[in-house]
């Protein structure tokens, strides 16, 4: 009986932590969905994001509706202000994507 419960628990955990793909713009947790130009004048979105994450702000992905914190600060940083595809596991409680990979989306 214990073995069956352990197997069922393992299946529940593995299905809850599915890798997903998200698309959106790399932003920061301070600006989130707001236009960066409203926060910092004379700076591009990319410059603003890079400036904000030098401090306590984290990188995030804005998908047009939701702002999701990104667990990785390095890989997404080079795409600040750009549209990307992020692959990872989403934690709904912390609203964080545990990043596996980040790829730029073509402008086409």
PDB file of N, CA and C in Angstrom:
ATOM      1  N   UNK A   1       0.817  -1.195   0.000  1.00  0.00           N
ATOM      2  CA  UNK A   1       0.000   0.000   0.000  1.00  0.00           C
ATOM      3  C   UNK A   1       0.862   1.261   0.000  1.00  0.00           C
ATOM      4  N   UNK A   2       1.939   1.241   0.830  1.00  0.00           N
ATOM      5  CA  UNK A   2       2.826   2.405   0.868  1.00  0.00           C
ATOM      6  C   UNK A   2       3.473   2.631  -0.483  1.00  0.00           C
ATOM      7  N   UNK A   3       3.848   1.539  -1.140  1.00  0.00           N
ATOM      8  CA  UNK A   3       4.498   1.643  -2.452  1.00  0.00           C
ATOM      9  C   UNK A   3       3.541   2.288  -3.461  1.00  0.00           C
ATOM     10  N   UNK A   4       2.287   1.892  -3.448  1.00  0.00           N
ATOM     11  CA  UNK A   4       1.290   2.459  -4.351  1.00  0.00           C
ATOM     12  C   UNK A   4       1.119   3.957  -4.095  1.00  0.00           C
ATOM     13  N   UNK A   5       1.064   4.356  -2.836  1.00  0.00           N
ATOM     14  CA  UNK A   5       0.930   5.769  -2.513  1.00  0.00           C
ATOM     15  C   UNK A   5       2.155   6.558  -2.976  1.00  0.00           C
ATOM     16  N   UNK A   6       3.341   6.008  -2.836  1.00  0.00           N
ATOM     17  CA  UNK A   6       4.549   6.675  -3.295  1.00  0.00           C
ATOM     18  C   UNK A   6       4.542   6.848  -4.808  1.00  0.00           C
ATOM     19  N   UNK A   7       4.107   5.825  -5.514  1.00  0.00           N
ATOM     20  CA  UNK A   7       4.033   5.912  -6.977  1.00  0.00           C
ATOM     21  C   UNK A   7       3.021   6.964  -7.392  1.00  0.00           C
ATOM     22  N   UNK A   8       1.859   6.977  -6.769  1.00  0.00           N
ATOM     23  CA  UNK A   8       0.837   7.970  -7.090  1.00  0.00           C
ATOM     24  C   UNK A   8       1.324   9.380  -6.772  1.00  0.00           C
ATOM     25  N   UNK A   9       2.016   9.553  -5.666  1.00  0.00           N
ATOM     26  CA  UNK A   9       2.558  10.866  -5.313  1.00  0.00           C
ATOM     27  C   UNK A   9       3.602  11.310  -6.330  1.00  0.00           C
ATOM     28  N   UNK A  10       4.445  10.404  -6.780  1.00  0.00           N
ATOM     29  CA  UNK A  10       5.474  10.738  -7.776  1.00  0.00           C
ATOM     30  C   UNK A  10       4.828  11.147  -9.097  1.00  0.00           C
ATOM     31  N   UNK A  11       3.777  10.457  -9.497  1.00  0.00           N
ATOM     32  CA  UNK A  11       3.069  10.795 -10.732  1.00  0.00           C
ATOM     33  C   UNK A  11       2.424  12.173 -10.604  1.00  0.00           C
ATOM     34  N   UNK A  12       1.825  12.455  -9.466  1.00  0.00           N
ATOM     35  CA  UNK A  12       1.182  13.760  -9.253  1.00  0.00           C
ATOM     36  C   UNK A  12       2.205  14.885  -9.299  1.00  0.00           C
ATOM     37  N   UNK A  13       3.351  14.692  -8.696  1.00  0.00           N
ATOM     38  CA  UNK A  13       4.386  15.717  -8.691  1.00  0.00           C
ATOM     39  C   UNK A  13       4.943  15.920 -10.089  1.00  0.00           C
ATOM     40  N   UNK A  14       5.207  14.841 -10.810  1.00  0.00           N
ATOM     41  CA  UNK A  14       5.786  14.977 -12.149  1.00  0.00           C
ATOM     42  C   UNK A  14       4.818  15.632 -13.120  1.00  0.00           C
ATOM     43  N   UNK A  15       3.533  15.373 -12.996  1.00  0.00           N
ATOM     44  CA  UNK A  15       2.574  16.001 -13.902  1.00  0.00           C
ATOM     45  C   UNK A  15       2.335  17.466 -13.533  1.00  0.00           C
ATOM     46  N   UNK A  16       2.516  17.816 -12.268  1.00  0.00           N
ATOM     47  CA  UNK A  16       2.323  19.197 -11.843  1.00  0.00           C
ATOM     48  C   UNK A  16       3.478  20.084 -12.297  1.00  0.00           C
ATOM     49  N   UNK A  17       4.637  19.504 -12.533  1.00  0.00           N
ATOM     50  CA  UNK A  17       5.820  20.281 -12.896  1.00  0.00           C
ATOM     51  C   UNK A  17       6.172  20.062 -14.362  1.00  0.00           C
ATOM     52  N   UNK A  18       5.221  20.313 -15.238  1.00  0.00           N
ATOM     53  CA  UNK A  18       5.435  20.123 -16.673  1.00  0.00           C
ATOM     54  C   UNK A  18       6.164  21.317 -17.277  1.00  0.00           C
ATOM     55  N   UNK A  19       7.087  21.019 -18.171  1.00  0.00           N
ATOM     56  CA  UNK A  19       7.770  22.073 -18.915  1.00  0.00           C
ATOM     57  C   UNK A  19       6.809  22.654 -19.932  1.00  0.00           C
ATOM     58  N   UNK A  20       6.763  23.979 -19.996  1.00  0.00           N
ATOM     59  CA  UNK A  20       5.875  24.683 -20.906  1.00  0.00           C
ATOM     60  C   UNK A  20       6.677  25.709 -21.690  1.00  0.00           C
ATOM     61  N   UNK A  21       6.067  26.247 -22.725  1.00  0.00           N
ATOM     62  CA  UNK A  21       6.683  27.314 -23.509  1.00  0.00           C
ATOM     63  C   UNK A  21       5.834  28.568 -23.373  1.00  0.00           C
ATOM     64  N   UNK A  22       6.487  29.686 -23.106  1.00  0.00           N
ATOM     65  CA  UNK A  22       5.821  30.977 -22.926  1.00  0.00           C
ATOM     66  C   UNK A  22       6.423  31.964 -23.912  1.00  0.00           C
ATOM     67  N   UNK A  23       5.619  32.866 -24.430  1.00  0.00           N
ATOM     68  CA  UNK A  23       6.151  33.918 -25.295  1.00  0.00           C
ATOM     69  C   UNK A  23       5.759  35.269 -24.720  1.00  0.00           C
ATOM     70  N   UNK A  24       6.632  36.231 -24.890  1.00  0.00           N
ATOM     71  CA  UNK A  24       6.358  37.569 -24.407  1.00  0.00           C
ATOM     72  C   UNK A  24       7.602  38.423 -24.501  1.00  0.00           C
ATOM     73  N   UNK A  25       7.557  39.567 -23.846  1.00  0.00           N
ATOM     74  CA  UNK A  25       8.652  40.528 -23.867  1.00  0.00           C
ATOM     75  C   UNK A  25       9.402  40.451 -22.542  1.00  0.00           C
ATOM     76  N   UNK A  26      10.746  40.443 -22.622  1.00  0.00           N
ATOM     77  CA  UNK A  26      11.555  40.442 -21.411  1.00  0.00           C
ATOM     78  C   UNK A  26      11.495  41.834 -20.802  1.00  0.00           C
ATOM     79  N   UNK A  27      11.038  41.902 -19.567  1.00  0.00           N
ATOM     80  CA  UNK A  27      10.893  43.147 -18.837  1.00  0.00           C
ATOM     81  C   UNK A  27      11.499  42.959 -17.457  1.00  0.00           C
ATOM     82  N   UNK A  28      11.152  43.814 -16.525  1.00  0.00           N
ATOM     83  CA  UNK A  28      11.614  43.655 -15.151  1.00  0.00           C
ATOM     84  C   UNK A  28      10.413  43.698 -14.221  1.00  0.00           C
ATOM     85  N   UNK A  29      10.614  43.301 -12.975  1.00  0.00           N
ATOM     86  CA  UNK A  29       9.487  43.208 -12.048  1.00  0.00           C
ATOM     87  C   UNK A  29       8.986  44.563 -11.562  1.00  0.00           C
ATOM     88  N   UNK A  30       9.786  45.619 -11.709  1.00  0.00           N
ATOM     89  CA  UNK A  30       9.312  46.945 -11.299  1.00  0.00           C
ATOM     90  C   UNK A  30       8.366  47.523 -12.353  1.00  0.00           C
ATOM     91  N   UNK A  31       8.795  47.521 -13.605  1.00  0.00           N
ATOM     92  CA  UNK A  31       7.970  48.100 -14.668  1.00  0.00           C
ATOM     93  C   UNK A  31       6.876  47.135 -15.110  1.00  0.00           C
ATOM     94  N   UNK A  32       7.208  45.857 -15.154  1.00  0.00           N
ATOM     95  CA  UNK A  32       6.228  44.857 -15.532  1.00  0.00           C
ATOM     96  C   UNK A  32       5.591  45.146 -16.868  1.00  0.00           C
ATOM     97  N   UNK A  33       4.294  45.448 -16.865  1.00  0.00           N
ATOM     98  CA  UNK A  33       3.545  45.694 -18.093  1.00  0.00           C
ATOM     99  C   UNK A  33       3.543  47.161 -18.493  1.00  0.00           C
ATOM    100  N   UNK A  34       4.052  48.036 -17.620  1.00  0.00           N
ATOM    101  CA  UNK A  34       4.056  49.476 -17.921  1.00  0.00           C
ATOM    102  C   UNK A  34       5.126  49.789 -18.966  1.00  0.00           C
ATOM    103  N   UNK A  35       4.876  50.790 -19.797  1.00  0.00           N
ATOM    104  CA  UNK A  35       5.926  51.205 -20.737  1.00  0.00           C
ATOM    105  C   UNK A  35       7.125  51.757 -19.970  1.00  0.00           C
ATOM    106  N   UNK A  36       8.296  51.325 -20.346  1.00  0.00           N
ATOM    107  CA  UNK A  36       9.500  51.773 -19.656  1.00  0.00           C
ATOM    108  C   UNK A  36       9.742  53.266 -19.854  1.00  0.00           C
ATOM    109  N   UNK A  37       9.307  53.787 -20.981  1.00  0.00           N
ATOM    110  CA  UNK A  37       9.506  55.211 -21.244  1.00  0.00           C
ATOM    111  C   UNK A  37       8.756  56.073 -20.232  1.00  0.00           C
ATOM    112  N   UNK A  38       7.716  55.520 -19.608  1.00  0.00           N
ATOM    113  CA  UNK A  38       6.983  56.264 -18.588  1.00  0.00           C
ATOM    114  C   UNK A  38       7.785  56.351 -17.294  1.00  0.00           C
ATOM    115  N   UNK A  39       8.691  55.396 -17.080  1.00  0.00           N
ATOM    116  CA  UNK A  39       9.490  55.368 -15.856  1.00  0.00           C
ATOM    117  C   UNK A  39      10.803  56.133 -16.012  1.00  0.00           C
ATOM    118  N   UNK A  40      11.462  55.951 -17.153  1.00  0.00           N
ATOM    119  CA  UNK A  40      12.780  56.557 -17.375  1.00  0.00           C
ATOM    120  C   UNK A  40      12.768  57.236 -18.739  1.00  0.00           C
ATOM    121  N   UNK A  41      12.898  58.538 -18.744  1.00  0.00           N
ATOM    122  CA  UNK A  41      12.881  59.298 -20.002  1.00  0.00           C
ATOM    123  C   UNK A  41      14.202  59.114 -20.745  1.00  0.00           C
ATOM    124  N   UNK A  42      14.145  59.217 -22.066  1.00  0.00           N
ATOM    125  CA  UNK A  42      15.322  59.161 -22.939  1.00  0.00           C
ATOM    126  C   UNK A  42      16.074  57.838 -22.869  1.00  0.00           C
ATOM    127  N   UNK A  43      15.398  56.768 -22.555  1.00  0.00           N
ATOM    128  CA  UNK A  43      16.006  55.439 -22.530  1.00  0.00           C
ATOM    129  C   UNK A  43      15.099  54.478 -23.283  1.00  0.00           C
ATOM    130  N   UNK A  44      15.709  53.534 -23.980  1.00  0.00           N
ATOM    131  CA  UNK A  44      14.914  52.502 -24.657  1.00  0.00           C
ATOM    132  C   UNK A  44      14.422  51.502 -23.611  1.00  0.00           C
ATOM    133  N   UNK A  45      13.459  50.660 -24.001  1.00  0.00           N
ATOM    134  CA  UNK A  45      12.973  49.623 -23.094  1.00  0.00           C
ATOM    135  C   UNK A  45      14.125  48.729 -22.641  1.00  0.00           C
ATOM    136  N   UNK A  46      14.982  48.328 -23.587  1.00  0.00           N
ATOM    137  CA  UNK A  46      16.106  47.444 -23.257  1.00  0.00           C
ATOM    138  C   UNK A  46      17.043  48.104 -22.246  1.00  0.00           C
ATOM    139  N   UNK A  47      17.340  49.394 -22.438  1.00  0.00           N
ATOM    140  CA  UNK A  47      18.227  50.108 -21.506  1.00  0.00           C
ATOM    141  C   UNK A  47      17.613  50.194 -20.116  1.00  0.00           C
ATOM    142  N   UNK A  48      16.322  50.449 -20.061  1.00  0.00           N
ATOM    143  CA  UNK A  48      15.627  50.558 -18.786  1.00  0.00           C
ATOM    144  C   UNK A  48      15.646  49.219 -18.042  1.00  0.00           C
ATOM    145  N   UNK A  49      15.328  48.139 -18.749  1.00  0.00           N
ATOM    146  CA  UNK A  49      15.318  46.816 -18.126  1.00  0.00           C
ATOM    147  C   UNK A  49      16.712  46.493 -17.592  1.00  0.00           C
ATOM    148  N   UNK A  50      17.734  46.710 -18.402  1.00  0.00           N
ATOM    149  CA  UNK A  50      19.107  46.412 -17.973  1.00  0.00           C
ATOM    150  C   UNK A  50      19.500  47.236 -16.752  1.00  0.00           C
ATOM    151  N   UNK A  51      19.036  48.489 -16.706  1.00  0.00           N
ATOM    152  CA  UNK A  51      19.339  49.351 -15.576  1.00  0.00           C
ATOM    153  C   UNK A  51      18.613  48.862 -14.315  1.00  0.00           C
ATOM    154  N   UNK A  52      17.354  48.495 -14.451  1.00  0.00           N
ATOM    155  CA  UNK A  52      16.556  48.062 -13.299  1.00  0.00           C
ATOM    156  C   UNK A  52      17.080  46.766 -12.679  1.00  0.00           C
ATOM    157  N   UNK A  53      17.520  45.829 -13.499  1.00  0.00           N
ATOM    158  CA  UNK A  53      17.956  44.545 -12.952  1.00  0.00           C
ATOM    159  C   UNK A  53      19.364  44.603 -12.364  1.00  0.00           C
ATOM    160  N   UNK A  54      20.046  45.732 -12.501  1.00  0.00           N
ATOM    161  CA  UNK A  54      21.316  45.903 -11.789  1.00  0.00           C
ATOM    162  C   UNK A  54      21.048  46.081 -10.302  1.00  0.00           C
ATOM    163  N   UNK A  55      19.853  46.529  -9.972  1.00  0.00           N
ATOM    164  CA  UNK A  55      19.432  46.702  -8.586  1.00  0.00           C
ATOM    165  C   UNK A  55      18.691  45.460  -8.116  1.00  0.00           C
ATOM    166  N   UNK A  56      17.708  45.660  -7.252  1.00  0.00           N
ATOM    167  CA  UNK A  56      16.997  44.513  -6.669  1.00  0.00           C
ATOM    168  C   UNK A  56      15.921  43.904  -7.582  1.00  0.00           C
ATOM    169  N   UNK A  57      15.620  44.542  -8.695  1.00  0.00           N
ATOM    170  CA  UNK A  57      14.552  44.035  -9.567  1.00  0.00           C
ATOM    171  C   UNK A  57      15.000  42.748 -10.258  1.00  0.00           C
ATOM    172  N   UNK A  58      14.048  41.914 -10.563  1.00  0.00           N
ATOM    173  CA  UNK A  58      14.314  40.671 -11.293  1.00  0.00           C
ATOM    174  C   UNK A  58      13.799  40.803 -12.714  1.00  0.00           C
ATOM    175  N   UNK A  59      14.304  39.955 -13.584  1.00  0.00           N
ATOM    176  CA  UNK A  59      13.774  39.896 -14.939  1.00  0.00           C
ATOM    177  C   UNK A  59      12.422  39.202 -14.902  1.00  0.00           C
ATOM    178  N   UNK A  60      11.573  39.580 -15.848  1.00  0.00           N
ATOM    179  CA  UNK A  60      10.236  39.005 -15.930  1.00  0.00           C
ATOM    180  C   UNK A  60       9.856  38.864 -17.394  1.00  0.00           C
ATOM    181  N   UNK A  61       8.795  38.117 -17.631  1.00  0.00           N
ATOM    182  CA  UNK A  61       8.248  37.958 -18.969  1.00  0.00           C
ATOM    183  C   UNK A  61       6.832  38.505 -18.947  1.00  0.00           C
ATOM    184  N   UNK A  62       6.539  39.442 -19.855  1.00  0.00           N
ATOM    185  CA  UNK A  62       5.187  39.984 -19.983  1.00  0.00           C
ATOM    186  C   UNK A  62       4.584  39.404 -21.246  1.00  0.00           C
ATOM    187  N   UNK A  63       3.530  38.599 -21.080  1.00  0.00           N
ATOM    188  CA  UNK A  63       2.913  37.913 -22.219  1.00  0.00           C
ATOM    189  C   UNK A  63       1.735  38.674 -22.821  1.00  0.00           C
ATOM    190  N   UNK A  64       1.550  39.908 -22.407  1.00  0.00           N
ATOM    191  CA  UNK A  64       0.420  40.708 -22.877  1.00  0.00           C
ATOM    192  C   UNK A  64      -0.669  40.811 -21.838  1.00  0.00           C
ATOM    193  N   UNK A  65      -0.666  39.888 -20.873  1.00  0.00           N
ATOM    194  CA  UNK A  65      -1.651  39.869 -19.798  1.00  0.00           C
ATOM    195  C   UNK A  65      -0.962  39.742 -18.435  1.00  0.00           C
ATOM    196  N   UNK A  66      -0.058  38.770 -18.336  1.00  0.00           N
ATOM    197  CA  UNK A  66       0.590  38.439 -17.073  1.00  0.00           C
ATOM    198  C   UNK A  66       2.067  38.833 -17.068  1.00  0.00           C
ATOM    199  N   UNK A  67       2.554  39.188 -15.878  1.00  0.00           N
ATOM    200  CA  UNK A  67       3.977  39.419 -15.670  1.00  0.00           C
ATOM    201  C   UNK A  67       4.466  38.258 -14.816  1.00  0.00           C
ATOM    202  N   UNK A  68       5.377  37.460 -15.387  1.00  0.00           N
ATOM    203  CA  UNK A  68       5.892  36.282 -14.699  1.00  0.00           C
ATOM    204  C   UNK A  68       7.390  36.449 -14.452  1.00  0.00           C
ATOM    205  N   UNK A  69       7.788  36.342 -13.208  1.00  0.00           N
ATOM    206  CA  UNK A  69       9.193  36.476 -12.841  1.00  0.00           C
ATOM    207  C   UNK A  69       9.990  35.341 -13.477  1.00  0.00           C
ATOM    208  N   UNK A  70      11.216  35.648 -13.909  1.00  0.00           N
ATOM    209  CA  UNK A  70      12.096  34.642 -14.496  1.00  0.00           C
ATOM    210  C   UNK A  70      13.163  34.259 -13.478  1.00  0.00           C
ATOM    211  N   UNK A  71      13.387  32.967 -13.287  1.00  0.00           N
ATOM    212  CA  UNK A  71      14.347  32.509 -12.285  1.00  0.00           C
ATOM    213  C   UNK A  71      15.782  32.813 -12.673  1.00  0.00           C
ATOM    214  N   UNK A  72      16.048  32.917 -13.962  1.00  0.00           N
ATOM    215  CA  UNK A  72      17.403  33.136 -14.468  1.00  0.00           C
ATOM    216  C   UNK A  72      17.590  34.615 -14.774  1.00  0.00           C
ATOM    217  N   UNK A  73      18.655  35.222 -14.238  1.00  0.00           N
ATOM    218  CA  UNK A  73      18.923  36.638 -14.498  1.00  0.00           C
ATOM    219  C   UNK A  73      19.883  36.827 -15.666  1.00  0.00           C
ATOM    220  N   UNK A  74      20.631  35.797 -16.043  1.00  0.00           N
ATOM    221  CA  UNK A  74      21.665  35.966 -17.072  1.00  0.00           C
ATOM    222  C   UNK A  74      21.147  35.718 -18.487  1.00  0.00           C
ATOM    223  N   UNK A  75      20.597  34.550 -18.747  1.00  0.00           N
ATOM    224  CA  UNK A  75      20.192  34.190 -20.114  1.00  0.00           C
ATOM    225  C   UNK A  75      19.186  35.170 -20.717  1.00  0.00           C
ATOM    226  N   UNK A  76      18.129  35.569 -20.000  1.00  0.00           N
ATOM    227  CA  UNK A  76      17.161  36.497 -20.590  1.00  0.00           C
ATOM    228  C   UNK A  76      17.672  37.934 -20.691  1.00  0.00           C
ATOM    229  N   UNK A  77      18.717  38.296 -19.944  1.00  0.00           N
ATOM    230  CA  UNK A  77      19.184  39.682 -19.895  1.00  0.00           C
ATOM    231  C   UNK A  77      19.598  40.209 -21.269  1.00  0.00           C
ATOM    232  N   UNK A  78      20.168  39.361 -22.102  1.00  0.00           N
ATOM    233  CA  UNK A  78      20.610  39.840 -23.418  1.00  0.00           C
ATOM    234  C   UNK A  78      19.436  40.124 -24.353  1.00  0.00           C
ATOM    235  N   UNK A  79      18.236  39.713 -23.953  1.00  0.00           N
ATOM    236  CA  UNK A  79      17.033  39.958 -24.753  1.00  0.00           C
ATOM    237  C   UNK A  79      16.127  41.007 -24.110  1.00  0.00           C
ATOM    238  N   UNK A  80      16.666  41.836 -23.239  1.00  0.00           N
ATOM    239  CA  UNK A  80      15.877  42.863 -22.548  1.00  0.00           C
ATOM    240  C   UNK A  80      15.099  43.705 -23.550  1.00  0.00           C
ATOM    241  N   UNK A  81      13.789  43.834 -23.311  1.00  0.00           N
ATOM    242  CA  UNK A  81      12.932  44.640 -24.171  1.00  0.00           C
ATOM    243  C   UNK A  81      12.542  43.960 -25.468  1.00  0.00           C
ATOM    244  N   UNK A  82      12.957  42.714 -25.660  1.00  0.00           N
ATOM    245  CA  UNK A  82      12.665  41.987 -26.901  1.00  0.00           C
ATOM    246  C   UNK A  82      11.655  40.871 -26.656  1.00  0.00           C
ATOM    247  N   UNK A  83      11.008  40.457 -27.743  1.00  0.00           N
ATOM    248  CA  UNK A  83      10.062  39.355 -27.684  1.00  0.00           C
ATOM    249  C   UNK A  83      10.836  38.038 -27.755  1.00  0.00           C
ATOM    250  N   UNK A  84      10.521  37.119 -26.834  1.00  0.00           N
ATOM    251  CA  UNK A  84      11.243  35.857 -26.736  1.00  0.00           C
ATOM    252  C   UNK A  84      10.294  34.684 -26.503  1.00  0.00           C
ATOM    253  N   UNK A  85      10.889  33.510 -26.619  1.00  0.00           N
ATOM    254  CA  UNK A  85      10.210  32.263 -26.247  1.00  0.00           C
ATOM    255  C   UNK A  85      10.984  31.693 -25.068  1.00  0.00           C
ATOM    256  N   UNK A  86      10.306  31.483 -23.945  1.00  0.00           N
ATOM    257  CA  UNK A  86      10.924  30.936 -22.742  1.00  0.00           C
ATOM    258  C   UNK A  86      10.356  29.545 -22.506  1.00  0.00           C
ATOM    259  N   UNK A  87      11.245  28.602 -22.281  1.00  0.00           N
ATOM    260  CA  UNK A  87      10.833  27.247 -21.940  1.00  0.00           C
ATOM    261  C   UNK A  87      11.185  27.018 -20.480  1.00  0.00           C
ATOM    262  N   UNK A  88      10.240  26.478 -19.727  1.00  0.00           N
ATOM    263  CA  UNK A  88      10.495  26.225 -18.315  1.00  0.00           C
ATOM    264  C   UNK A  88       9.257  25.731 -17.600  1.00  0.00           C
ATOM    265  N   UNK A  89       9.373  25.646 -16.288  1.00  0.00           N
ATOM    266  CA  UNK A  89       8.287  25.172 -15.438  1.00  0.00           C
ATOM    267  C   UNK A  89       7.732  26.367 -14.674  1.00  0.00           C
ATOM    268  N   UNK A  90       6.424  26.566 -14.761  1.00  0.00           N
ATOM    269  CA  UNK A  90       5.767  27.706 -14.109  1.00  0.00           C
ATOM    270  C   UNK A  90       5.268  27.323 -12.726  1.00  0.00           C
ATOM    271  N   UNK A  91       5.578  28.154 -11.747  1.00  0.00           N
ATOM    272  CA  UNK A  91       5.084  27.986 -10.379  1.00  0.00           C
ATOM    273  C   UNK A  91       4.019  29.055 -10.150  1.00  0.00           C
ATOM    274  N   UNK A  92       2.774  28.646 -10.110  1.00  0.00           N
ATOM    275  CA  UNK A  92       1.662  29.577  -9.956  1.00  0.00           C
ATOM    276  C   UNK A  92       1.644  30.306  -8.619  1.00  0.00           C
ATOM    277  N   UNK A  93       2.176  29.688  -7.580  1.00  0.00           N
ATOM    278  CA  UNK A  93       2.190  30.325  -6.259  1.00  0.00           C
ATOM    279  C   UNK A  93       3.120  31.535  -6.235  1.00  0.00           C
ATOM    280  N   UNK A  94       4.299  31.392  -6.833  1.00  0.00           N
ATOM    281  CA  UNK A  94       5.279  32.483  -6.825  1.00  0.00           C
ATOM    282  C   UNK A  94       5.250  33.286  -8.119  1.00  0.00           C
ATOM    283  N   UNK A  95       4.441  32.844  -9.076  1.00  0.00           N
ATOM    284  CA  UNK A  95       4.361  33.475 -10.405  1.00  0.00           C
ATOM    285  C   UNK A  95       5.744  33.580 -11.049  1.00  0.00           C
ATOM    286  N   UNK A  96       6.496  32.468 -10.936  1.00  0.00           N
ATOM    287  CA  UNK A  96       7.864  32.413 -11.441  1.00  0.00           C
ATOM    288  C   UNK A  96       8.023  31.270 -12.430  1.00  0.00           C
ATOM    289  N   UNK A  97       8.738  31.549 -13.524  1.00  0.00           N
ATOM    290  CA  UNK A  97       9.094  30.507 -14.478  1.00  0.00           C
ATOM    291  C   UNK A  97      10.514  30.058 -14.149  1.00  0.00           C
ATOM    292  N   UNK A  98      10.685  28.768 -13.863  1.00  0.00           N
ATOM    293  CA  UNK A  98      12.019  28.197 -13.682  1.00  0.00           C
ATOM    294  C   UNK A  98      12.554  27.974 -15.090  1.00  0.00           C
ATOM    295  N   UNK A  99      13.424  28.853 -15.535  1.00  0.00           N
ATOM    296  CA  UNK A  99      13.860  28.924 -16.924  1.00  0.00           C
ATOM    297  C   UNK A  99      14.776  27.765 -17.304  1.00  0.00           C
ATOM    298  N   UNK A 100      14.419  27.091 -18.411  1.00  0.00           N
ATOM    299  CA  UNK A 100      15.284  26.075 -19.013  1.00  0.00           C
ATOM    300  C   UNK A 100      16.043  26.665 -20.191  1.00  0.00           C
ATOM    301  N   UNK A 101      15.319  27.476 -20.999  1.00  0.00           N
ATOM    302  CA  UNK A 101      15.956  28.108 -22.155  1.00  0.00           C
ATOM    303  C   UNK A 101      15.203  29.371 -22.554  1.00  0.00           C
ATOM    304  N   UNK A 102      15.928  30.262 -23.262  1.00  0.00           N
ATOM    305  CA  UNK A 102      15.359  31.507 -23.771  1.00  0.00           C
ATOM    306  C   UNK A 102      15.838  31.662 -25.200  1.00  0.00           C
ATOM    307  N   UNK A 103      14.917  31.941 -26.113  1.00  0.00           N
ATOM    308  CA  UNK A 103      15.254  32.142 -27.519  1.00  0.00           C
ATOM    309  C   UNK A 103      14.544  33.378 -28.040  1.00  0.00           C
ATOM    310  N   UNK A 104      15.196  34.177 -28.864  1.00  0.00           N
ATOM    311  CA  UNK A 104      14.513  35.338 -29.448  1.00  0.00           C
ATOM    312  C   UNK A 104      13.483  34.876 -30.464  1.00  0.00           C
ATOM    313  N   UNK A 105      12.411  35.634 -30.605  1.00  0.00           N
ATOM    314  CA  UNK A 105      11.415  35.352 -31.636  1.00  0.00           C
ATOM    315  C   UNK A 105      11.737  36.217 -32.845  1.00  0.00           C
ATOM    316  N   UNK A 106      11.584  35.644 -34.000  1.00  0.00           N
ATOM    317  CA  UNK A 106      11.823  36.400 -35.220  1.00  0.00           C
ATOM    318  C   UNK A 106      10.840  37.555 -35.322  1.00  0.00           C
ATOM    319  N   UNK A 107      11.303  38.639 -35.901  1.00  0.00           N
ATOM    320  CA  UNK A 107      10.469  39.828 -36.070  1.00  0.00           C
ATOM    321  C   UNK A 107       9.523  39.709 -37.254  1.00  0.00           C
ATOM    322  N   UNK A 108       9.542  38.579 -37.951  1.00  0.00           N
ATOM    323  CA  UNK A 108       8.710  38.398 -39.152  1.00  0.00           C
ATOM    324  C   UNK A 108       7.279  38.191 -38.799  1.00  0.00           C
TER     325      UNK A 108
END
